[in-house]
N, C-alpha and C. Protein backbone atom coordinates (compact mmCIF):
# COMPACT_ATOMS: atom_id res chain seq x y z
N ILE A 1 31.73 7.31 -1.35
CA ILE A 1 32.73 6.32 -1.01
C ILE A 1 33.32 5.72 -2.29
N ASP A 2 32.50 5.46 -3.30
CA ASP A 2 33.02 4.92 -4.56
C ASP A 2 33.99 5.90 -5.20
N THR A 3 33.74 7.18 -5.08
CA THR A 3 34.65 8.20 -5.61
C THR A 3 35.97 8.16 -4.86
N GLN A 4 35.90 7.97 -3.53
CA GLN A 4 37.13 7.87 -2.74
C GLN A 4 37.94 6.65 -3.16
N ILE A 5 37.29 5.53 -3.40
CA ILE A 5 37.98 4.30 -3.82
C ILE A 5 38.66 4.52 -5.16
N SER A 6 37.92 5.07 -6.12
CA SER A 6 38.49 5.30 -7.45
C SER A 6 39.66 6.28 -7.38
N SER A 7 39.50 7.35 -6.60
CA SER A 7 40.58 8.34 -6.47
C SER A 7 41.81 7.73 -5.83
N SER A 8 41.61 6.91 -4.81
CA SER A 8 42.74 6.28 -4.13
C SER A 8 43.49 5.33 -5.04
N ILE A 9 42.77 4.56 -5.83
CA ILE A 9 43.43 3.61 -6.74
C ILE A 9 44.18 4.38 -7.84
N LEU A 10 43.55 5.42 -8.38
CA LEU A 10 44.23 6.22 -9.41
C LEU A 10 45.49 6.87 -8.85
N TYR A 11 45.41 7.40 -7.62
CA TYR A 11 46.58 8.01 -6.99
C TYR A 11 47.68 6.98 -6.80
N LEU A 12 47.29 5.79 -6.33
CA LEU A 12 48.28 4.73 -6.11
C LEU A 12 48.95 4.35 -7.43
N GLN A 13 48.13 4.17 -8.48
CA GLN A 13 48.69 3.79 -9.76
C GLN A 13 49.64 4.85 -10.31
N SER A 14 49.28 6.11 -10.12
CA SER A 14 50.13 7.18 -10.67
C SER A 14 51.40 7.40 -9.85
N SER A 15 51.38 7.02 -8.58
CA SER A 15 52.54 7.29 -7.73
C SER A 15 53.56 6.15 -7.73
N ILE A 16 53.23 5.04 -8.30
CA ILE A 16 54.17 3.91 -8.35
C ILE A 16 54.97 3.99 -9.65
N ASP A 17 56.27 3.89 -9.50
CA ASP A 17 57.15 3.90 -10.67
C ASP A 17 57.11 2.50 -11.27
N THR A 18 56.30 2.35 -12.32
CA THR A 18 56.09 1.03 -12.91
C THR A 18 57.33 0.50 -13.63
N SER A 19 58.31 1.35 -13.89
CA SER A 19 59.53 0.86 -14.55
C SER A 19 60.37 0.04 -13.58
N ARG A 20 60.15 0.18 -12.27
CA ARG A 20 60.95 -0.54 -11.27
C ARG A 20 60.19 -1.69 -10.62
N ILE A 21 58.93 -1.93 -11.02
CA ILE A 21 58.14 -2.98 -10.39
C ILE A 21 57.48 -3.82 -11.48
N SER A 22 57.37 -5.11 -11.23
CA SER A 22 56.78 -5.99 -12.24
C SER A 22 55.26 -5.79 -12.29
N LYS A 23 54.67 -6.16 -13.40
CA LYS A 23 53.22 -6.04 -13.58
C LYS A 23 52.46 -6.85 -12.53
N PRO A 24 52.81 -8.11 -12.24
CA PRO A 24 52.09 -8.87 -11.21
C PRO A 24 52.20 -8.22 -9.83
N ALA A 25 53.35 -7.65 -9.50
CA ALA A 25 53.51 -6.99 -8.21
C ALA A 25 52.66 -5.73 -8.15
N PHE A 26 52.64 -4.98 -9.27
CA PHE A 26 51.81 -3.78 -9.33
C PHE A 26 50.33 -4.14 -9.14
N ASP A 27 49.87 -5.19 -9.82
CA ASP A 27 48.48 -5.63 -9.70
C ASP A 27 48.17 -6.06 -8.27
N SER A 28 49.11 -6.72 -7.61
CA SER A 28 48.91 -7.16 -6.23
C SER A 28 48.76 -5.97 -5.29
N ILE A 29 49.61 -4.96 -5.47
CA ILE A 29 49.55 -3.75 -4.63
C ILE A 29 48.21 -3.05 -4.84
N THR A 30 47.81 -2.91 -6.11
CA THR A 30 46.52 -2.26 -6.43
C THR A 30 45.37 -3.03 -5.81
N SER A 31 45.38 -4.36 -5.95
CA SER A 31 44.30 -5.19 -5.39
C SER A 31 44.26 -5.09 -3.88
N PHE A 32 45.43 -5.12 -3.24
CA PHE A 32 45.48 -5.01 -1.79
C PHE A 32 44.93 -3.67 -1.32
N THR A 33 45.31 -2.59 -2.00
CA THR A 33 44.82 -1.26 -1.64
C THR A 33 43.31 -1.18 -1.83
N PHE A 34 42.85 -1.71 -2.94
CA PHE A 34 41.41 -1.71 -3.20
C PHE A 34 40.67 -2.48 -2.10
N LEU A 35 41.19 -3.66 -1.73
CA LEU A 35 40.57 -4.47 -0.68
C LEU A 35 40.58 -3.73 0.65
N SER A 36 41.66 -3.06 0.99
CA SER A 36 41.74 -2.30 2.25
C SER A 36 40.69 -1.20 2.29
N ILE A 37 40.57 -0.49 1.18
CA ILE A 37 39.59 0.61 1.12
C ILE A 37 38.17 0.04 1.22
N MET A 38 37.91 -1.08 0.53
CA MET A 38 36.57 -1.69 0.57
C MET A 38 36.22 -2.14 1.99
N ILE A 39 37.17 -2.70 2.71
CA ILE A 39 36.91 -3.14 4.09
C ILE A 39 36.60 -1.94 4.97
N GLN A 40 37.34 -0.83 4.78
CA GLN A 40 37.06 0.37 5.57
C GLN A 40 35.68 0.93 5.24
N ALA A 41 35.25 0.79 4.00
CA ALA A 41 33.95 1.34 3.57
C ALA A 41 32.80 0.38 3.86
N LEU A 42 33.09 -0.84 4.31
CA LEU A 42 32.06 -1.85 4.52
C LEU A 42 30.91 -1.40 5.42
N PRO A 43 31.16 -0.77 6.56
CA PRO A 43 30.01 -0.35 7.38
C PRO A 43 29.08 0.61 6.65
N TYR A 44 29.65 1.52 5.85
CA TYR A 44 28.83 2.47 5.10
C TYR A 44 28.03 1.76 4.02
N ARG A 45 28.68 0.83 3.34
CA ARG A 45 28.00 0.06 2.30
C ARG A 45 26.88 -0.79 2.90
N ALA A 46 27.15 -1.42 4.01
CA ALA A 46 26.12 -2.25 4.67
C ALA A 46 24.93 -1.40 5.08
N LEU A 47 25.20 -0.24 5.64
CA LEU A 47 24.12 0.66 6.06
C LEU A 47 23.31 1.11 4.85
N PHE A 48 24.01 1.45 3.77
CA PHE A 48 23.33 1.86 2.55
C PHE A 48 22.46 0.72 2.01
N LEU A 49 23.01 -0.48 1.96
CA LEU A 49 22.24 -1.62 1.43
C LEU A 49 21.03 -1.94 2.31
N LEU A 50 21.19 -1.88 3.62
CA LEU A 50 20.05 -2.13 4.51
C LEU A 50 18.97 -1.07 4.31
N SER A 51 19.38 0.18 4.17
CA SER A 51 18.41 1.26 3.93
C SER A 51 17.69 1.04 2.61
N LEU A 52 18.43 0.66 1.59
CA LEU A 52 17.85 0.41 0.28
C LEU A 52 16.86 -0.76 0.34
N LEU A 53 17.25 -1.85 0.99
CA LEU A 53 16.35 -3.00 1.11
C LEU A 53 15.08 -2.64 1.88
N SER A 54 15.21 -1.86 2.92
CA SER A 54 14.04 -1.42 3.69
C SER A 54 13.11 -0.59 2.84
N LEU A 55 13.67 0.31 2.05
CA LEU A 55 12.86 1.15 1.18
C LEU A 55 12.15 0.31 0.13
N ILE A 56 12.87 -0.61 -0.48
CA ILE A 56 12.27 -1.47 -1.50
C ILE A 56 11.16 -2.32 -0.91
N SER A 57 11.37 -2.88 0.27
CA SER A 57 10.34 -3.74 0.87
C SER A 57 9.11 -2.94 1.25
N SER A 58 9.27 -1.67 1.62
CA SER A 58 8.10 -0.86 1.97
C SER A 58 7.26 -0.57 0.73
N PHE A 59 7.89 -0.51 -0.45
CA PHE A 59 7.13 -0.30 -1.68
C PHE A 59 6.61 -1.62 -2.23
N SER A 60 7.30 -2.70 -1.98
CA SER A 60 6.94 -3.98 -2.55
C SER A 60 5.75 -4.63 -1.86
N TYR A 61 5.59 -4.39 -0.60
CA TYR A 61 4.55 -5.07 0.14
C TYR A 61 3.59 -4.05 0.74
N ALA A 62 2.41 -3.97 0.14
CA ALA A 62 1.39 -3.08 0.69
C ALA A 62 0.86 -3.69 1.98
N LYS A 63 0.34 -2.83 2.83
CA LYS A 63 -0.25 -3.31 4.07
C LYS A 63 -1.46 -4.18 3.75
N ASP A 64 -1.86 -4.98 4.70
CA ASP A 64 -3.00 -5.87 4.51
C ASP A 64 -4.32 -5.14 4.72
N VAL A 65 -5.34 -5.65 4.06
CA VAL A 65 -6.71 -5.20 4.28
C VAL A 65 -7.20 -5.90 5.54
N SER A 66 -7.88 -5.15 6.42
CA SER A 66 -8.39 -5.76 7.65
C SER A 66 -9.92 -5.81 7.60
N VAL A 67 -10.47 -6.87 8.18
CA VAL A 67 -11.91 -7.03 8.28
C VAL A 67 -12.24 -7.27 9.74
N THR A 68 -13.02 -6.35 10.33
CA THR A 68 -13.43 -6.47 11.72
C THR A 68 -14.95 -6.60 11.75
N ILE A 69 -15.42 -7.76 12.16
CA ILE A 69 -16.85 -8.05 12.12
C ILE A 69 -17.60 -7.25 13.18
N GLN A 70 -18.65 -6.56 12.74
CA GLN A 70 -19.57 -5.86 13.64
C GLN A 70 -20.74 -6.79 14.00
N SER A 71 -21.29 -7.45 12.98
CA SER A 71 -22.32 -8.47 13.21
C SER A 71 -22.15 -9.54 12.14
N PRO A 72 -22.03 -10.79 12.57
CA PRO A 72 -21.75 -11.88 11.62
C PRO A 72 -22.93 -12.13 10.69
N GLY A 73 -22.61 -12.61 9.53
CA GLY A 73 -23.66 -12.98 8.57
C GLY A 73 -23.91 -14.46 8.63
N ASN A 74 -25.13 -14.85 8.32
CA ASN A 74 -25.44 -16.28 8.34
C ASN A 74 -25.53 -16.85 6.93
N GLY A 75 -25.16 -16.06 5.93
CA GLY A 75 -25.19 -16.52 4.55
C GLY A 75 -23.88 -17.13 4.12
N PRO A 76 -23.84 -17.55 2.86
CA PRO A 76 -22.61 -18.15 2.32
C PRO A 76 -21.52 -17.08 2.11
N PRO A 77 -20.29 -17.50 1.94
CA PRO A 77 -19.20 -16.55 1.69
C PRO A 77 -19.41 -15.79 0.38
N VAL A 78 -18.94 -14.57 0.34
CA VAL A 78 -18.96 -13.75 -0.87
C VAL A 78 -17.95 -14.35 -1.85
N THR A 79 -18.33 -14.42 -3.13
CA THR A 79 -17.45 -14.98 -4.17
C THR A 79 -17.34 -13.99 -5.33
N ARG A 80 -16.38 -14.26 -6.21
CA ARG A 80 -16.19 -13.42 -7.40
C ARG A 80 -17.25 -13.67 -8.47
N SER A 81 -18.01 -14.73 -8.35
CA SER A 81 -18.94 -15.12 -9.42
C SER A 81 -20.33 -14.51 -9.29
N SER A 82 -20.59 -13.74 -8.24
CA SER A 82 -21.92 -13.15 -8.06
C SER A 82 -21.84 -11.64 -7.89
N ARG A 83 -22.96 -11.00 -8.12
CA ARG A 83 -23.12 -9.57 -7.92
C ARG A 83 -23.93 -9.40 -6.63
N TYR A 84 -23.53 -8.46 -5.78
CA TYR A 84 -24.12 -8.30 -4.45
C TYR A 84 -24.66 -6.90 -4.24
N LEU A 85 -25.58 -6.78 -3.29
CA LEU A 85 -26.05 -5.48 -2.83
C LEU A 85 -25.48 -5.24 -1.44
N SER A 86 -25.16 -3.99 -1.15
CA SER A 86 -24.56 -3.67 0.14
C SER A 86 -24.98 -2.28 0.59
N HIS A 87 -24.92 -2.08 1.90
CA HIS A 87 -25.01 -0.74 2.47
C HIS A 87 -23.59 -0.38 2.89
N VAL A 88 -23.18 0.84 2.54
CA VAL A 88 -21.79 1.24 2.76
C VAL A 88 -21.72 2.68 3.23
N THR A 89 -20.82 2.94 4.18
CA THR A 89 -20.42 4.30 4.53
C THR A 89 -18.90 4.32 4.51
N LEU A 90 -18.36 5.30 3.81
CA LEU A 90 -16.91 5.40 3.66
C LEU A 90 -16.35 6.49 4.56
N TYR A 91 -15.29 6.12 5.29
CA TYR A 91 -14.57 7.05 6.16
C TYR A 91 -13.11 7.09 5.74
N ILE A 92 -12.43 8.17 6.12
CA ILE A 92 -10.98 8.26 5.99
C ILE A 92 -10.41 7.85 7.34
N GLN A 93 -9.51 6.88 7.34
CA GLN A 93 -8.88 6.41 8.58
C GLN A 93 -7.69 7.31 8.88
N ASN A 94 -7.76 8.06 9.97
CA ASN A 94 -6.68 8.97 10.34
C ASN A 94 -5.56 8.21 11.06
N GLU A 95 -4.36 8.77 11.05
CA GLU A 95 -3.21 8.13 11.68
C GLU A 95 -3.40 7.91 13.17
N ASP A 96 -4.18 8.77 13.82
CA ASP A 96 -4.39 8.64 15.26
C ASP A 96 -5.49 7.64 15.62
N GLY A 97 -6.03 6.94 14.60
CA GLY A 97 -7.06 5.93 14.84
C GLY A 97 -8.48 6.46 14.72
N THR A 98 -8.65 7.77 14.62
CA THR A 98 -9.99 8.33 14.45
C THR A 98 -10.40 8.22 12.99
N LYS A 99 -11.67 8.44 12.73
CA LYS A 99 -12.15 8.38 11.35
C LYS A 99 -12.89 9.66 11.00
N THR A 100 -12.80 10.05 9.74
CA THR A 100 -13.45 11.25 9.22
C THR A 100 -14.40 10.82 8.11
N PRO A 101 -15.66 11.23 8.15
CA PRO A 101 -16.58 10.86 7.06
C PRO A 101 -16.08 11.42 5.73
N SER A 102 -16.17 10.61 4.69
CA SER A 102 -15.75 11.05 3.35
C SER A 102 -16.88 11.77 2.64
N GLY A 103 -18.10 11.56 3.11
CA GLY A 103 -19.26 12.15 2.46
C GLY A 103 -20.02 11.16 1.59
N TRP A 104 -19.52 9.91 1.48
CA TRP A 104 -20.23 8.91 0.66
C TRP A 104 -20.84 7.85 1.56
N SER A 105 -22.15 7.67 1.41
CA SER A 105 -22.86 6.63 2.15
C SER A 105 -24.10 6.23 1.38
N THR A 106 -24.50 4.97 1.54
CA THR A 106 -25.76 4.50 0.95
C THR A 106 -26.85 4.41 2.02
N ARG A 107 -26.50 4.79 3.25
CA ARG A 107 -27.44 4.71 4.38
C ARG A 107 -28.02 6.08 4.69
N GLN A 108 -29.31 6.14 4.82
CA GLN A 108 -29.95 7.39 5.21
C GLN A 108 -29.48 7.81 6.59
N SER A 109 -29.28 6.84 7.48
CA SER A 109 -28.83 7.15 8.85
C SER A 109 -27.43 7.76 8.89
N ASP A 110 -26.66 7.60 7.79
CA ASP A 110 -25.31 8.17 7.73
C ASP A 110 -25.21 9.33 6.73
N GLY A 111 -26.36 9.90 6.37
CA GLY A 111 -26.34 11.11 5.55
C GLY A 111 -26.83 10.97 4.13
N ALA A 112 -27.11 9.76 3.65
CA ALA A 112 -27.63 9.60 2.29
C ALA A 112 -29.07 10.12 2.25
N ALA A 113 -29.52 10.56 1.08
CA ALA A 113 -30.89 11.07 0.93
C ALA A 113 -31.92 9.99 1.27
N SER A 114 -31.60 8.74 0.94
CA SER A 114 -32.45 7.59 1.28
C SER A 114 -31.57 6.36 1.31
N ASP A 115 -32.08 5.28 1.88
CA ASP A 115 -31.34 4.02 1.82
C ASP A 115 -31.32 3.55 0.37
N SER A 116 -30.16 3.45 -0.21
CA SER A 116 -30.03 3.03 -1.61
C SER A 116 -28.82 2.12 -1.74
N PRO A 117 -29.04 0.81 -1.64
CA PRO A 117 -27.92 -0.15 -1.67
C PRO A 117 -27.03 0.01 -2.89
N PHE A 118 -25.76 -0.27 -2.67
CA PHE A 118 -24.73 -0.22 -3.70
C PHE A 118 -24.52 -1.62 -4.24
N ALA A 119 -24.61 -1.79 -5.57
CA ALA A 119 -24.39 -3.09 -6.21
C ALA A 119 -22.93 -3.21 -6.62
N PHE A 120 -22.36 -4.39 -6.38
CA PHE A 120 -20.96 -4.61 -6.75
C PHE A 120 -20.72 -6.08 -7.06
N MET A 121 -19.66 -6.31 -7.81
CA MET A 121 -19.17 -7.66 -8.08
C MET A 121 -17.68 -7.63 -7.76
N PRO A 122 -17.21 -8.45 -6.82
CA PRO A 122 -15.79 -8.41 -6.45
C PRO A 122 -14.87 -8.53 -7.67
N GLY A 123 -13.91 -7.63 -7.74
CA GLY A 123 -12.92 -7.66 -8.81
C GLY A 123 -13.32 -6.90 -10.06
N VAL A 124 -14.54 -6.34 -10.09
CA VAL A 124 -15.01 -5.64 -11.28
C VAL A 124 -15.25 -4.16 -10.95
N GLY A 125 -14.38 -3.29 -11.45
CA GLY A 125 -14.55 -1.86 -11.30
C GLY A 125 -14.41 -1.34 -9.87
N LEU A 126 -13.75 -2.08 -9.01
CA LEU A 126 -13.59 -1.69 -7.61
C LEU A 126 -12.11 -1.52 -7.28
N ILE A 127 -11.83 -0.79 -6.21
CA ILE A 127 -10.45 -0.73 -5.74
C ILE A 127 -10.05 -2.12 -5.24
N GLU A 128 -8.78 -2.40 -5.31
CA GLU A 128 -8.26 -3.73 -4.92
C GLU A 128 -8.64 -4.10 -3.49
N GLY A 129 -8.54 -3.15 -2.56
CA GLY A 129 -8.82 -3.43 -1.15
C GLY A 129 -10.26 -3.80 -0.88
N TRP A 130 -11.19 -3.19 -1.61
CA TRP A 130 -12.62 -3.53 -1.45
C TRP A 130 -12.82 -5.00 -1.81
N SER A 131 -12.36 -5.38 -3.02
CA SER A 131 -12.53 -6.77 -3.46
C SER A 131 -11.88 -7.75 -2.49
N GLU A 132 -10.65 -7.44 -2.10
CA GLU A 132 -9.93 -8.33 -1.17
C GLU A 132 -10.69 -8.48 0.14
N GLY A 133 -11.23 -7.38 0.65
CA GLY A 133 -11.94 -7.41 1.93
C GLY A 133 -13.27 -8.12 1.88
N VAL A 134 -14.10 -7.80 0.88
CA VAL A 134 -15.44 -8.43 0.84
C VAL A 134 -15.34 -9.93 0.59
N LEU A 135 -14.27 -10.38 -0.06
CA LEU A 135 -14.09 -11.82 -0.27
C LEU A 135 -13.78 -12.57 1.02
N LYS A 136 -13.56 -11.83 2.11
CA LYS A 136 -13.36 -12.44 3.43
C LYS A 136 -14.65 -12.41 4.24
N MET A 137 -15.74 -11.92 3.64
CA MET A 137 -17.01 -11.75 4.35
C MET A 137 -18.05 -12.77 3.89
N ASN A 138 -19.13 -12.86 4.66
CA ASN A 138 -20.28 -13.69 4.32
C ASN A 138 -21.47 -12.79 4.02
N GLU A 139 -22.42 -13.33 3.28
CA GLU A 139 -23.66 -12.60 3.04
C GLU A 139 -24.34 -12.34 4.38
N GLY A 140 -24.88 -11.14 4.55
CA GLY A 140 -25.54 -10.76 5.79
C GLY A 140 -24.61 -10.16 6.82
N GLU A 141 -23.31 -10.23 6.60
CA GLU A 141 -22.31 -9.73 7.55
C GLU A 141 -22.15 -8.21 7.43
N ARG A 142 -21.96 -7.58 8.59
CA ARG A 142 -21.61 -6.16 8.61
C ARG A 142 -20.24 -6.06 9.28
N SER A 143 -19.30 -5.41 8.58
CA SER A 143 -17.92 -5.32 9.07
C SER A 143 -17.31 -3.97 8.76
N TRP A 144 -16.23 -3.68 9.52
CA TRP A 144 -15.34 -2.57 9.20
C TRP A 144 -14.28 -3.13 8.27
N LEU A 145 -14.12 -2.51 7.13
CA LEU A 145 -13.13 -2.93 6.15
C LEU A 145 -12.04 -1.86 6.11
N GLY A 146 -10.86 -2.17 6.64
CA GLY A 146 -9.73 -1.23 6.64
C GLY A 146 -8.89 -1.45 5.40
N VAL A 147 -8.79 -0.42 4.57
CA VAL A 147 -8.07 -0.53 3.30
C VAL A 147 -6.92 0.47 3.29
N PRO A 148 -5.66 -0.02 3.24
CA PRO A 148 -4.52 0.90 3.16
C PRO A 148 -4.53 1.63 1.82
N SER A 149 -3.96 2.82 1.80
CA SER A 149 -4.00 3.65 0.58
C SER A 149 -3.43 2.91 -0.63
N GLU A 150 -2.44 2.05 -0.42
CA GLU A 150 -1.84 1.31 -1.54
C GLU A 150 -2.85 0.40 -2.23
N LYS A 151 -3.88 0.00 -1.50
CA LYS A 151 -4.90 -0.87 -2.09
C LYS A 151 -6.22 -0.11 -2.25
N GLY A 152 -6.14 1.21 -2.08
CA GLY A 152 -7.30 2.07 -2.27
C GLY A 152 -7.09 2.92 -3.51
N TYR A 153 -7.05 4.24 -3.31
CA TYR A 153 -6.88 5.16 -4.43
C TYR A 153 -5.44 5.64 -4.57
N GLY A 154 -4.54 5.19 -3.66
CA GLY A 154 -3.14 5.56 -3.77
C GLY A 154 -2.91 7.05 -3.69
N ALA A 155 -2.08 7.57 -4.57
CA ALA A 155 -1.68 8.97 -4.54
C ALA A 155 -2.70 9.91 -5.20
N GLN A 156 -3.75 9.35 -5.78
CA GLN A 156 -4.74 10.23 -6.42
C GLN A 156 -5.87 10.56 -5.45
N SER A 157 -6.41 11.75 -5.59
CA SER A 157 -7.59 12.12 -4.80
C SER A 157 -8.83 11.76 -5.61
N VAL A 158 -9.95 11.59 -4.90
CA VAL A 158 -11.20 11.25 -5.55
C VAL A 158 -12.27 12.18 -5.01
N GLY A 159 -13.13 12.68 -5.89
CA GLY A 159 -14.16 13.62 -5.46
C GLY A 159 -13.60 15.03 -5.39
N SER A 160 -14.30 15.87 -4.66
CA SER A 160 -13.89 17.26 -4.55
C SER A 160 -13.98 17.72 -3.09
N PRO A 161 -12.92 18.37 -2.58
CA PRO A 161 -12.98 18.83 -1.19
C PRO A 161 -14.02 19.93 -0.98
N ASN A 162 -14.48 20.54 -2.08
CA ASN A 162 -15.47 21.61 -2.00
C ASN A 162 -16.82 21.16 -2.54
N ALA A 163 -17.11 19.85 -2.46
CA ALA A 163 -18.32 19.30 -3.06
C ALA A 163 -19.59 19.71 -2.31
N GLY A 164 -19.47 20.04 -1.04
CA GLY A 164 -20.64 20.44 -0.26
C GLY A 164 -21.53 19.26 0.07
N ALA A 165 -22.76 19.53 0.42
CA ALA A 165 -23.72 18.48 0.81
C ALA A 165 -23.94 17.54 -0.36
N GLY A 166 -23.88 16.27 -0.07
CA GLY A 166 -24.11 15.25 -1.09
C GLY A 166 -22.87 14.84 -1.85
N GLY A 167 -21.78 15.59 -1.70
CA GLY A 167 -20.54 15.24 -2.39
C GLY A 167 -19.62 14.48 -1.47
N PHE A 168 -18.57 13.95 -2.03
CA PHE A 168 -17.60 13.23 -1.19
C PHE A 168 -16.19 13.57 -1.63
N TYR A 169 -15.23 13.24 -0.75
CA TYR A 169 -13.83 13.53 -1.06
C TYR A 169 -12.93 12.54 -0.33
N VAL A 170 -11.97 11.98 -1.08
CA VAL A 170 -10.92 11.14 -0.52
C VAL A 170 -9.60 11.79 -0.92
N PRO A 171 -8.81 12.27 0.07
CA PRO A 171 -7.53 12.91 -0.26
C PRO A 171 -6.49 11.89 -0.73
N PRO A 172 -5.42 12.37 -1.36
CA PRO A 172 -4.35 11.46 -1.79
C PRO A 172 -3.75 10.70 -0.60
N ASN A 173 -3.33 9.47 -0.85
CA ASN A 173 -2.65 8.61 0.13
C ASN A 173 -3.48 8.35 1.39
N ALA A 174 -4.79 8.35 1.26
CA ALA A 174 -5.66 8.15 2.42
C ALA A 174 -5.92 6.66 2.65
N ASP A 175 -5.79 6.24 3.91
CA ASP A 175 -6.25 4.92 4.31
C ASP A 175 -7.76 5.01 4.47
N LEU A 176 -8.46 3.99 4.01
CA LEU A 176 -9.92 4.02 3.99
C LEU A 176 -10.50 3.07 5.02
N LEU A 177 -11.69 3.41 5.49
CA LEU A 177 -12.43 2.56 6.42
C LEU A 177 -13.87 2.50 5.94
N PHE A 178 -14.27 1.32 5.47
CA PHE A 178 -15.64 1.12 5.00
C PHE A 178 -16.45 0.44 6.09
N ASP A 179 -17.62 0.98 6.37
CA ASP A 179 -18.62 0.29 7.21
C ASP A 179 -19.54 -0.37 6.19
N ILE A 180 -19.35 -1.66 5.96
CA ILE A 180 -20.06 -2.35 4.89
C ILE A 180 -20.89 -3.51 5.41
N GLU A 181 -22.09 -3.58 4.89
CA GLU A 181 -22.99 -4.71 5.18
C GLU A 181 -23.35 -5.34 3.85
N VAL A 182 -22.96 -6.59 3.66
CA VAL A 182 -23.29 -7.31 2.43
C VAL A 182 -24.70 -7.88 2.63
N LEU A 183 -25.67 -7.30 1.92
CA LEU A 183 -27.06 -7.69 2.11
C LEU A 183 -27.37 -9.05 1.48
N GLY A 184 -26.70 -9.37 0.40
CA GLY A 184 -26.90 -10.66 -0.28
C GLY A 184 -26.70 -10.50 -1.77
N LYS A 185 -26.95 -11.58 -2.49
CA LYS A 185 -26.82 -11.55 -3.95
C LYS A 185 -27.91 -10.63 -4.51
N GLU A 186 -27.53 -9.86 -5.51
CA GLU A 186 -28.44 -8.86 -6.07
C GLU A 186 -29.77 -9.46 -6.53
N ASP A 187 -29.71 -10.64 -7.17
CA ASP A 187 -30.93 -11.25 -7.70
C ASP A 187 -31.77 -11.97 -6.63
N GLU A 188 -31.26 -12.05 -5.40
CA GLU A 188 -31.99 -12.75 -4.34
C GLU A 188 -32.51 -11.80 -3.26
N VAL A 189 -31.99 -10.58 -3.18
CA VAL A 189 -32.39 -9.63 -2.15
C VAL A 189 -33.69 -8.96 -2.58
N LYS A 190 -34.67 -8.98 -1.72
CA LYS A 190 -36.00 -8.41 -2.01
C LYS A 190 -36.34 -7.31 -1.02
N ASP A 191 -37.19 -6.41 -1.43
CA ASP A 191 -37.80 -5.41 -0.57
C ASP A 191 -36.80 -4.58 0.22
N LEU A 192 -35.94 -3.84 -0.45
CA LEU A 192 -35.04 -2.93 0.25
C LEU A 192 -35.53 -1.53 0.13
C-alpha cells in the first residue's frame, strides 16, 4: 500500500503542468490526493496494526505459572531466603491436556532408583517458572506446577530423546508440569 501511495503521488506530480499552477495550489492538490489514498488504505493499515499489536503482545506477555494443590501444606510459605528439599516428577504438558513423563523424578514410585529429594533455592539456578511457582506454595504442600515453555526451557531442548532408562528429555517449546512436594527447609528436614 505504501508503494501505491508513493507511486500515485509521483504520478500526480509528474502529470501536473507546474508552469500553469501556483506552488500552494500544487501542494494542496498533492496533499488532498495523499489524504484520499490514505483514507482508502485505512482499513488495511488498521488490520496490519492490529495484527502487529497482537503479535507483539503474544511475545511480550508469557502465560502464567499455575499451581494446583494436591494436598495442602501446614508449614510456612516458601521464600527466596531458604534452601528446600522436594520430591519432584516432571511431565510434558500436551496440548490436549494429557501429560507425558519426561523421565526425571526423585520418587522411586515414579521411576527413580530410590527416593532422593531434590534440593533447591528459589531464584538460584532454576527455570523462572519453577521459582515463580514454588513461591506460591507452603512447606509440606504437594501441588501440580504448570509452567509455560516461555518460563521453562523455551526453544531449547534439554536431555536426550535417546537417553533410555534413567535419562530424561524435554523437547523445545514444551509446557511443563511438575508434581512437586516441598518437604521443608533443607536444614530442618530429617530422616528422608
